[in-house]
Amino acid sequence: MKKLTLDNGLRLVLVPREASLATTVLVLVETGSKYETKDISGISHFLEHMCFKGTEKRPTAFAIASELDGIGASYNAFTSQEYTGYYAKARPKHFGQILDVVSDIYLNQKFDTAEIDKERGVIIEEINMYEDLPMRKVQDVFMALMYGDQPAGWPIAGHKDVVSKITREDFVEYHKKHYVAEATIVVIAGAFDEQEALDGVKKYFANITTGTKGAKVKTSESQSTPQIALANKKTDQTHLVMGVRAFDLFDERKYALELLADILGGGMSSRLFQKVREEMGAAYYIGAGADLSTDHGYMDISAGIDHKKIDDVLAAIVSELKRMAAEPVAPEELTRAKEHLIGGLVLGLETSNQWAGFYGSQEALEKKMMSPEELIKKTQEVTAEQIQAVAQDIIKNEGLNLAIIGPFKDKERFEKLLTF
């Protein structure tokens, strides 16, 4: 892996993989939903959609799609809270073409008003789709509960009333403010010639806007008692997310936190999977994970469970959380969790686009990159005592949050169960 910073401030990350049968071009910009204000909430995601709707060189969505389809490319885009990405992957002989296309849609959107209005309808239907997917919707309920009326608590796709009012001028201003050289990272991974890659990036990004990137407001956190959000809805199963506040991704305790989450719900041998699904027969899916950002973080447990067993399941989850704080993990369980995380990391780096995402996301969030070998070493060094210490730090009543979608209205019923 090699990182270069061009004269205009744009960062280029090269990840050569000689044995690869493909090449990926990924362009990331350090902006996402946490960079928005309330009157344009959802614009990062909306703008990502618009990038495929035409440029001066490729004036229609069909022109973009047909060119990429014509070389057998795989391509897409995505938006998160802190960065947005655009990528294409193709056979190495098409490297120059995918770099041309991805740079073009990133830099030269037309923002045609007719296309904006059409895509507005698409995004509103996307939001409607999430409303009909309680397994997905409960995550938004949880984030709103945790962070309230600030960007970290808003859905990435935005709210329909705001999306319906976003204008072409909003797009132009937002793009000019955030899609600047110093906020842009170009990652090229797979089979490619390094000099060709450098020359190509210099050529296609020569006219990128320069200047200081737009800032975001720091996420604020304040909580003194457990919090519960009930979204009453007639569903066939109860969907819940229970989470505790943690720390940001710059905290060295993050490696212990990842293992803590994996032991709780990282696989079919995890404590919660065995307890809730195998022993109680109360859920089809249950899992745990850690989500750390540049200015906040949390660990959460999500599950879809039998309505009639919700009290028992919540009691089981609370019991396992208490146990994590009360006693150190047994050596064999710790070894199994480490191997599970390391195996997932290695198996998740089989393709050029996965390598691009691995390094690109680190650079976007942390401004530094760790190799898989370094990450594996950090994971292997974690002790049972460190995991228990993290559990004792974060598993507390005052940091506990529970979001539920299901046929329930009585918060007091659940408040009685949330005691550590």
Protein backbone atom coordinates (compact mmCIF):
# COMPACT_ATOMS: atom_id res chain seq x y z
CA MET A 1 0.00 0.00 0.00
CA LYS A 2 1.25 3.48 -0.85
CA LYS A 3 -0.24 6.89 -0.06
CA LEU A 4 0.55 10.02 -2.08
CA THR A 5 -0.72 13.56 -1.59
CA LEU A 6 -0.93 15.61 -4.77
CA ASP A 7 -0.09 19.30 -4.95
CA ASN A 8 -3.77 20.25 -4.76
CA GLY A 9 -4.25 18.25 -1.53
CA LEU A 10 -6.03 15.26 -3.03
CA ARG A 11 -4.89 11.96 -1.52
CA LEU A 12 -4.14 8.93 -3.68
CA VAL A 13 -3.97 5.47 -2.10
CA LEU A 14 -2.49 2.69 -4.23
CA VAL A 15 -3.14 -0.92 -3.23
CA PRO A 16 -1.49 -3.18 -5.82
CA ARG A 17 -2.55 -6.83 -5.86
CA GLU A 18 -0.68 -8.49 -8.68
CA ALA A 19 -2.70 -11.71 -8.62
CA SER A 20 -6.00 -9.84 -8.87
CA LEU A 21 -8.17 -10.36 -11.94
CA ALA A 22 -9.81 -6.94 -11.51
CA THR A 23 -9.09 -3.30 -10.76
CA THR A 24 -11.19 -1.04 -8.56
CA VAL A 25 -11.35 2.75 -8.60
CA LEU A 26 -12.96 4.12 -5.44
CA VAL A 27 -13.38 7.84 -4.82
CA LEU A 28 -14.29 8.86 -1.28
CA VAL A 29 -15.24 12.30 -0.04
CA GLU A 30 -15.17 13.22 3.63
CA THR A 31 -18.77 14.27 3.90
CA GLY A 32 -21.97 12.50 4.84
CA SER A 33 -25.13 13.01 6.83
CA LYS A 34 -23.27 14.38 9.87
CA TYR A 35 -22.12 17.33 7.76
CA GLU A 36 -25.69 18.42 7.03
CA THR A 37 -27.97 21.01 8.57
CA LYS A 38 -31.59 20.33 9.36
CA ASP A 39 -32.93 22.18 6.33
CA ILE A 40 -30.94 19.98 3.92
CA SER A 41 -30.91 16.72 5.90
CA GLY A 42 -30.55 13.87 3.42
CA ILE A 43 -28.70 15.89 0.77
CA SER A 44 -25.50 13.80 0.96
CA HIS A 45 -27.44 10.68 0.01
CA PHE A 46 -29.56 12.55 -2.57
CA LEU A 47 -26.41 13.99 -4.17
CA GLU A 48 -24.88 10.52 -4.36
CA HIS A 49 -27.90 9.43 -6.40
CA MET A 50 -27.61 12.44 -8.67
CA CYS A 51 -24.01 11.64 -9.61
CA PHE A 52 -25.29 8.86 -11.86
CA LYS A 53 -27.82 11.11 -13.61
CA GLY A 54 -25.56 12.81 -16.13
CA THR A 55 -22.52 14.99 -16.78
CA GLU A 56 -21.58 17.21 -19.71
CA LYS A 57 -19.52 14.39 -21.22
CA ARG A 58 -22.10 11.69 -20.45
CA PRO A 59 -25.38 13.63 -20.47
CA THR A 60 -27.80 10.92 -19.31
CA ALA A 61 -28.02 8.15 -16.74
CA PHE A 62 -28.21 5.70 -19.64
CA ALA A 63 -24.97 7.02 -21.12
CA ILE A 64 -23.16 6.35 -17.84
CA ALA A 65 -24.72 2.95 -17.21
CA SER A 66 -24.36 1.68 -20.79
CA GLU A 67 -20.68 2.61 -20.92
CA LEU A 68 -19.91 0.78 -17.69
CA ASP A 69 -22.13 -2.19 -18.57
CA GLY A 70 -20.43 -2.31 -21.96
CA ILE A 71 -17.10 -3.20 -20.36
CA GLY A 72 -18.60 -5.60 -17.82
CA ALA A 73 -17.97 -3.30 -14.88
CA SER A 74 -19.48 -3.53 -11.42
CA TYR A 75 -20.29 -0.07 -10.05
CA ASN A 76 -22.24 1.67 -7.32
CA ALA A 77 -22.13 4.39 -4.67
CA PHE A 78 -22.91 4.66 -0.97
CA THR A 79 -23.42 7.26 1.75
CA SER A 80 -22.59 7.01 5.45
CA GLN A 81 -22.59 9.51 8.27
CA GLU A 82 -19.02 10.65 7.65
CA TYR A 83 -18.09 9.82 4.06
CA THR A 84 -19.57 9.12 0.65
CA GLY A 85 -18.11 6.79 -1.94
CA TYR A 86 -18.27 6.13 -5.69
CA TYR A 87 -16.63 3.12 -7.30
CA ALA A 88 -16.29 0.96 -10.38
CA LYS A 89 -14.53 -2.38 -10.79
CA ALA A 90 -13.55 -3.97 -14.08
CA ARG A 91 -10.90 -6.04 -15.78
CA PRO A 92 -7.48 -4.37 -15.61
CA LYS A 93 -7.47 -3.51 -19.32
CA HIS A 94 -10.40 -1.15 -18.67
CA PHE A 95 -8.68 0.75 -15.84
CA GLY A 96 -8.35 4.02 -17.77
CA GLN A 97 -12.03 3.99 -18.70
CA ILE A 98 -13.38 3.35 -15.22
CA LEU A 99 -11.11 6.08 -13.82
CA ASP A 100 -12.48 8.44 -16.48
CA VAL A 101 -16.11 7.59 -15.66
CA VAL A 102 -15.83 7.64 -11.87
CA SER A 103 -13.93 10.94 -11.86
CA ASP A 104 -16.47 12.42 -14.27
CA ILE A 105 -19.53 11.56 -12.20
CA TYR A 106 -17.75 12.74 -9.06
CA LEU A 107 -16.66 16.12 -10.43
CA ASN A 108 -19.03 17.11 -13.22
CA GLN A 109 -22.65 16.46 -12.29
CA LYS A 110 -25.23 18.41 -14.27
CA PHE A 111 -27.85 18.47 -11.50
CA ASP A 112 -30.59 18.72 -14.10
CA THR A 113 -33.80 19.93 -12.46
CA ALA A 114 -35.99 17.38 -14.26
CA GLU A 115 -33.71 14.56 -13.09
CA ILE A 116 -33.70 15.97 -9.55
CA ASP A 117 -37.48 15.84 -9.44
CA LYS A 118 -37.57 12.28 -10.77
CA GLU A 119 -34.91 11.07 -8.33
CA ARG A 120 -36.68 12.85 -5.48
CA GLY A 121 -39.53 10.40 -6.00
CA VAL A 122 -37.12 7.47 -6.00
CA ILE A 123 -35.61 8.54 -2.68
CA ILE A 124 -38.99 9.10 -1.08
CA GLU A 125 -39.91 5.56 -2.10
CA GLU A 126 -36.63 4.35 -0.61
CA ILE A 127 -37.60 6.02 2.68
CA ASN A 128 -41.05 4.41 2.43
CA MET A 129 -39.37 1.04 1.87
CA TYR A 130 -37.41 1.43 5.11
CA GLU A 131 -40.65 2.20 6.94
CA ASP A 132 -41.93 -1.20 5.81
CA LEU A 133 -38.76 -3.00 6.95
CA PRO A 134 -38.87 -2.97 10.77
CA MET A 135 -35.56 -4.85 10.97
CA ARG A 136 -33.99 -1.84 9.20
CA LYS A 137 -36.25 0.90 10.60
CA VAL A 138 -35.48 0.02 14.23
CA GLN A 139 -31.88 1.12 13.63
CA ASP A 140 -33.11 4.64 12.82
CA VAL A 141 -35.32 4.61 15.92
CA PHE A 142 -32.29 3.62 17.98
CA MET A 143 -30.06 6.37 16.55
CA ALA A 144 -32.76 9.00 17.14
CA LEU A 145 -33.09 7.79 20.72
CA MET A 146 -29.33 7.91 21.31
CA TYR A 147 -28.53 11.25 19.70
CA GLY A 148 -31.80 13.14 19.36
CA ASP A 149 -32.22 16.15 17.10
CA GLN A 150 -28.67 16.46 15.79
CA PRO A 151 -27.03 15.00 12.67
CA ALA A 152 -25.92 11.77 14.36
CA GLY A 153 -29.57 11.10 15.22
CA TRP A 154 -31.01 11.81 11.77
CA PRO A 155 -31.55 9.07 9.16
CA ILE A 156 -28.96 9.13 6.36
CA ALA A 157 -31.69 9.11 3.71
CA GLY A 158 -33.33 12.12 5.33
CA HIS A 159 -36.99 12.85 6.03
CA LYS A 160 -39.55 13.04 3.25
CA ASP A 161 -40.61 16.62 4.00
CA VAL A 162 -37.02 17.86 3.72
CA VAL A 163 -36.09 15.75 0.68
CA SER A 164 -39.16 17.11 -1.13
CA LYS A 165 -37.78 20.68 -0.81
CA ILE A 166 -34.09 20.26 -1.74
CA THR A 167 -33.27 22.40 -4.80
CA ARG A 168 -30.64 22.44 -7.54
CA GLU A 169 -29.00 25.41 -5.81
CA ASP A 170 -28.69 23.33 -2.64
CA PHE A 171 -26.84 20.62 -4.57
CA VAL A 172 -24.49 23.06 -6.29
CA GLU A 173 -23.64 24.80 -3.01
CA TYR A 174 -23.17 21.56 -1.06
CA HIS A 175 -20.98 20.03 -3.78
CA LYS A 176 -18.83 23.15 -3.99
CA LYS A 177 -18.42 23.26 -0.21
CA HIS A 178 -17.59 19.61 0.43
CA TYR A 179 -16.37 17.95 -2.79
CA VAL A 180 -12.98 19.63 -2.63
CA ALA A 181 -9.48 18.26 -3.16
CA GLU A 182 -8.43 18.09 0.50
CA ALA A 183 -11.57 16.08 1.35
CA THR A 184 -11.13 13.66 -1.57
CA ILE A 185 -9.40 10.29 -1.51
CA VAL A 186 -8.86 8.22 -4.65
CA VAL A 187 -8.16 4.57 -3.94
CA ILE A 188 -6.98 2.23 -6.68
CA ALA A 189 -6.75 -1.44 -5.81
CA GLY A 190 -6.09 -4.65 -7.70
CA ALA A 191 -3.99 -5.10 -10.83
CA PHE A 192 -2.70 -1.82 -12.32
CA ASP A 193 0.43 0.07 -13.31
CA GLU A 194 1.34 2.58 -10.60
CA GLN A 195 2.68 5.25 -12.94
CA GLU A 196 -0.38 4.98 -15.16
CA ALA A 197 -2.56 5.33 -12.08
CA LEU A 198 -0.72 8.42 -10.85
CA ASP A 199 -0.75 10.05 -14.28
CA GLY A 200 -4.43 9.26 -14.73
CA VAL A 201 -5.49 10.70 -11.39
CA LYS A 202 -3.48 13.87 -12.02
CA LYS A 203 -5.14 14.22 -15.41
CA TYR A 204 -8.75 13.56 -14.46
CA PHE A 205 -8.69 15.45 -11.17
CA ALA A 206 -6.68 18.43 -12.42
CA ASN A 207 -9.65 20.78 -12.18
CA ILE A 208 -11.08 19.66 -8.84
CA THR A 209 -12.19 22.48 -6.56
CA THR A 210 -9.62 23.47 -3.97
CA GLY A 211 -10.08 25.19 -0.64
CA THR A 212 -10.97 24.29 2.92
CA LYS A 213 -13.43 21.46 3.30
CA GLY A 214 -16.78 22.00 5.00
CA ALA A 215 -16.89 21.20 8.72
CA LYS A 216 -19.35 19.27 10.84
CA VAL A 217 -20.73 20.01 14.29
CA LYS A 218 -19.33 17.77 17.02
CA THR A 219 -21.82 15.23 18.28
CA SER A 220 -22.94 15.95 21.83
CA GLU A 221 -23.90 13.23 24.30
CA SER A 222 -25.80 13.51 27.55
CA GLN A 223 -27.60 10.74 29.41
CA SER A 224 -28.21 10.03 33.09
CA THR A 225 -30.88 7.29 33.03
CA PRO A 226 -31.85 4.41 30.72
CA GLN A 227 -33.81 5.52 27.63
CA ILE A 228 -36.53 3.63 25.78
CA ALA A 229 -38.19 4.36 22.44
CA LEU A 230 -41.28 2.38 21.45
CA ALA A 231 -42.53 2.49 17.86
CA ASN A 232 -45.95 0.88 18.11
CA LYS A 233 -46.65 -1.16 14.98
CA LYS A 234 -48.47 -4.34 14.12
CA THR A 235 -45.65 -6.72 13.23
CA ASP A 236 -45.20 -10.49 13.17
CA GLN A 237 -42.17 -10.26 15.44
CA THR A 238 -40.64 -7.68 17.75
CA HIS A 239 -37.51 -5.95 16.46
CA LEU A 240 -35.22 -4.38 19.01
CA VAL A 241 -31.86 -2.70 19.38
CA MET A 242 -30.29 -2.39 22.81
CA GLY A 243 -27.10 -0.40 23.07
CA VAL A 244 -24.68 1.32 25.42
CA ARG A 245 -22.57 4.40 24.82
CA ALA A 246 -18.89 3.72 24.29
CA PHE A 247 -16.09 5.93 22.88
CA ASP A 248 -14.73 7.17 19.56
CA LEU A 249 -12.59 5.21 17.10
CA PHE A 250 -9.37 6.87 18.22
CA ASP A 251 -9.58 5.09 21.59
CA GLU A 252 -7.14 2.16 21.87
CA ARG A 253 -9.81 0.23 23.76
CA LYS A 254 -11.61 -0.32 20.47
CA TYR A 255 -9.88 -3.67 19.89
CA ALA A 256 -11.16 -4.98 23.21
CA LEU A 257 -14.62 -3.58 22.44
CA GLU A 258 -14.75 -5.43 19.10
CA LEU A 259 -13.97 -8.67 20.91
CA LEU A 260 -16.52 -7.92 23.62
CA ALA A 261 -19.22 -7.49 20.96
CA ASP A 262 -18.11 -10.62 19.13
CA ILE A 263 -18.26 -12.73 22.29
CA LEU A 264 -21.77 -11.45 22.97
CA GLY A 265 -23.21 -11.80 19.48
CA GLY A 266 -20.62 -12.14 16.74
CA GLY A 267 -21.44 -15.61 15.43
CA MET A 268 -23.46 -18.77 15.89
CA SER A 269 -21.28 -19.82 18.84
CA SER A 270 -21.67 -16.44 20.59
CA ARG A 271 -23.33 -16.21 23.98
CA LEU A 272 -26.51 -14.48 22.86
CA PHE A 273 -27.03 -16.66 19.77
CA GLN A 274 -26.69 -19.78 21.86
CA LYS A 275 -28.91 -18.46 24.67
CA VAL A 276 -31.68 -16.69 22.77
CA ARG A 277 -31.91 -18.76 19.61
CA GLU A 278 -30.62 -22.22 20.49
CA GLU A 279 -31.79 -22.52 24.11
CA MET A 280 -34.86 -20.29 24.18
CA GLY A 281 -35.97 -20.66 20.56
CA ALA A 282 -37.07 -17.03 20.76
CA ALA A 283 -35.37 -15.45 17.74
CA TYR A 284 -34.23 -16.12 14.21
CA TYR A 285 -31.60 -13.38 14.19
CA ILE A 286 -29.65 -11.90 17.08
CA GLY A 287 -26.24 -10.28 16.97
CA ALA A 288 -23.98 -7.65 18.49
CA GLY A 289 -21.48 -5.16 17.13
CA ALA A 290 -19.52 -2.01 17.83
CA ASP A 291 -19.94 1.17 15.79
CA LEU A 292 -17.32 3.84 16.39
CA SER A 293 -17.14 7.23 14.68
CA THR A 294 -14.76 10.18 14.88
CA ASP A 295 -16.62 11.77 17.79
CA HIS A 296 -18.82 9.10 19.38
CA GLY A 297 -19.41 5.38 19.53
CA TYR A 298 -21.63 2.63 20.88
CA MET A 299 -22.04 -1.13 21.16
CA ASP A 300 -25.43 -2.56 20.25
CA ILE A 301 -27.37 -5.80 20.23
CA SER A 302 -30.11 -6.30 17.65
CA ALA A 303 -32.71 -9.06 17.43
CA GLY A 304 -36.03 -10.08 15.93
CA ILE A 305 -37.97 -12.03 18.53
CA ASP A 306 -41.27 -13.67 19.44
CA HIS A 307 -43.67 -11.08 20.89
CA LYS A 308 -44.56 -13.37 23.76
CA LYS A 309 -40.92 -13.90 24.76
CA ILE A 310 -39.71 -10.31 24.76
CA ASP A 311 -39.47 -10.02 28.54
CA ASP A 312 -37.44 -13.21 28.78
CA VAL A 313 -35.15 -12.18 25.94
CA LEU A 314 -34.49 -8.75 27.43
CA ALA A 315 -33.72 -10.37 30.77
CA ALA A 316 -31.30 -12.76 29.04
CA ILE A 317 -29.52 -9.91 27.26
CA VAL A 318 -29.17 -7.90 30.46
CA SER A 319 -27.88 -11.00 32.24
CA GLU A 320 -25.17 -11.55 29.61
CA LEU A 321 -24.15 -7.89 29.74
CA LYS A 322 -23.81 -8.11 33.52
CA ARG A 323 -21.76 -11.27 33.16
CA MET A 324 -19.32 -9.57 30.77
CA ALA A 325 -18.62 -6.92 33.41
CA ALA A 326 -18.56 -9.33 36.35
CA GLU A 327 -16.14 -12.00 35.17
CA PRO A 328 -13.25 -12.37 32.71
CA VAL A 329 -13.76 -14.32 29.51
CA ALA A 330 -12.47 -17.90 29.57
CA PRO A 331 -9.29 -18.50 27.50
CA GLU A 332 -10.93 -20.83 24.98
CA GLU A 333 -13.81 -18.40 24.38
CA LEU A 334 -11.39 -15.50 23.90
CA THR A 335 -9.32 -17.51 21.43
CA ARG A 336 -12.44 -18.45 19.48
CA ALA A 337 -13.58 -14.82 19.30
CA LYS A 338 -10.17 -13.65 18.13
CA GLU A 339 -10.08 -16.27 15.39
CA HIS A 340 -13.63 -15.36 14.37
CA LEU A 341 -12.75 -11.67 13.98
CA ILE A 342 -9.44 -12.35 12.24
CA GLY A 343 -11.03 -14.87 9.88
CA GLY A 344 -13.75 -12.39 9.00
CA LEU A 345 -11.15 -9.73 8.26
CA VAL A 346 -9.08 -11.99 6.01
CA LEU A 347 -12.06 -13.46 4.16
CA GLY A 348 -13.38 -9.96 3.65
CA LEU A 349 -10.29 -9.00 1.66
CA GLU A 350 -10.59 -11.37 -1.28
CA THR A 351 -11.48 -8.80 -3.95
CA SER A 352 -10.07 -5.51 -5.18
CA ASN A 353 -13.09 -3.48 -4.08
CA GLN A 354 -12.81 -4.92 -0.55
CA TRP A 355 -9.14 -3.88 -0.39
CA ALA A 356 -10.09 -0.41 -1.62
CA GLY A 357 -12.77 -0.08 1.04
CA PHE A 358 -10.51 -1.40 3.80
CA TYR A 359 -7.83 1.24 3.26
CA GLY A 360 -10.08 4.03 1.99
CA SER A 361 -12.43 4.02 4.98
CA GLN A 362 -9.48 4.19 7.38
CA GLU A 363 -7.99 7.16 5.56
CA ALA A 364 -11.35 8.95 5.41
CA LEU A 365 -11.99 8.58 9.14
CA GLU A 366 -8.58 8.47 10.78
CA LYS A 367 -6.15 10.03 8.29
CA LYS A 368 -3.94 7.00 8.73
CA MET A 369 -4.07 3.39 7.62
CA MET A 370 -3.27 0.12 9.33
CA SER A 371 -2.43 -3.04 7.38
CA PRO A 372 -4.38 -6.26 7.98
CA GLU A 373 -1.31 -7.71 9.67
CA GLU A 374 -1.16 -4.79 12.09
CA LEU A 375 -4.86 -5.08 12.86
CA ILE A 376 -4.53 -8.82 13.45
CA LYS A 377 -1.65 -8.18 15.87
CA LYS A 378 -3.73 -5.62 17.80
CA THR A 379 -6.57 -8.12 18.06
CA GLN A 380 -4.32 -10.95 19.21
CA GLU A 381 -2.81 -8.78 21.96
CA VAL A 382 -6.13 -8.10 23.73
CA THR A 383 -6.47 -9.77 27.13
CA ALA A 384 -9.50 -11.02 29.03
CA GLU A 385 -8.83 -8.37 31.66
CA GLN A 386 -8.96 -5.60 29.05
CA ILE A 387 -12.31 -6.86 27.76
CA GLN A 388 -13.72 -6.98 31.27
CA ALA A 389 -12.44 -3.47 31.98
CA VAL A 390 -14.17 -2.11 28.86
CA ALA A 391 -17.37 -3.90 29.85
CA GLN A 392 -17.21 -2.31 33.31
CA ASP A 393 -16.64 1.12 31.75
CA ILE A 394 -19.56 1.08 29.29
CA ILE A 395 -22.18 -1.33 30.64
CA LYS A 396 -23.99 1.05 32.95
CA ASN A 397 -27.61 2.01 33.44
CA GLU A 398 -26.99 5.65 32.61
CA GLY A 399 -25.69 4.76 29.16
CA LEU A 400 -28.31 2.17 28.22
CA ASN A 401 -30.73 2.63 25.31
CA LEU A 402 -33.50 0.37 24.01
CA ALA A 403 -35.44 0.84 20.76
CA ILE A 404 -38.38 -1.44 19.95
CA ILE A 405 -40.71 -1.80 17.00
CA GLY A 406 -43.71 -3.99 17.78
CA PRO A 407 -47.22 -4.04 19.27
CA PHE A 408 -46.27 -2.38 22.54
CA LYS A 409 -47.17 0.92 24.21
CA ASP A 410 -46.16 0.47 27.87
CA LYS A 411 -42.60 1.75 28.52
CA GLU A 412 -42.79 0.98 32.23
CA ARG A 413 -42.99 -2.72 31.41
CA PHE A 414 -39.51 -2.56 29.89
CA GLU A 415 -38.00 -0.05 32.27
CA LYS A 416 -38.28 -2.62 35.05
CA LEU A 417 -36.08 -5.01 33.08
CA LEU A 418 -33.27 -2.57 32.32
CA THR A 419 -31.28 -2.68 35.52
CA PHE A 420 -27.62 -3.59 35.81
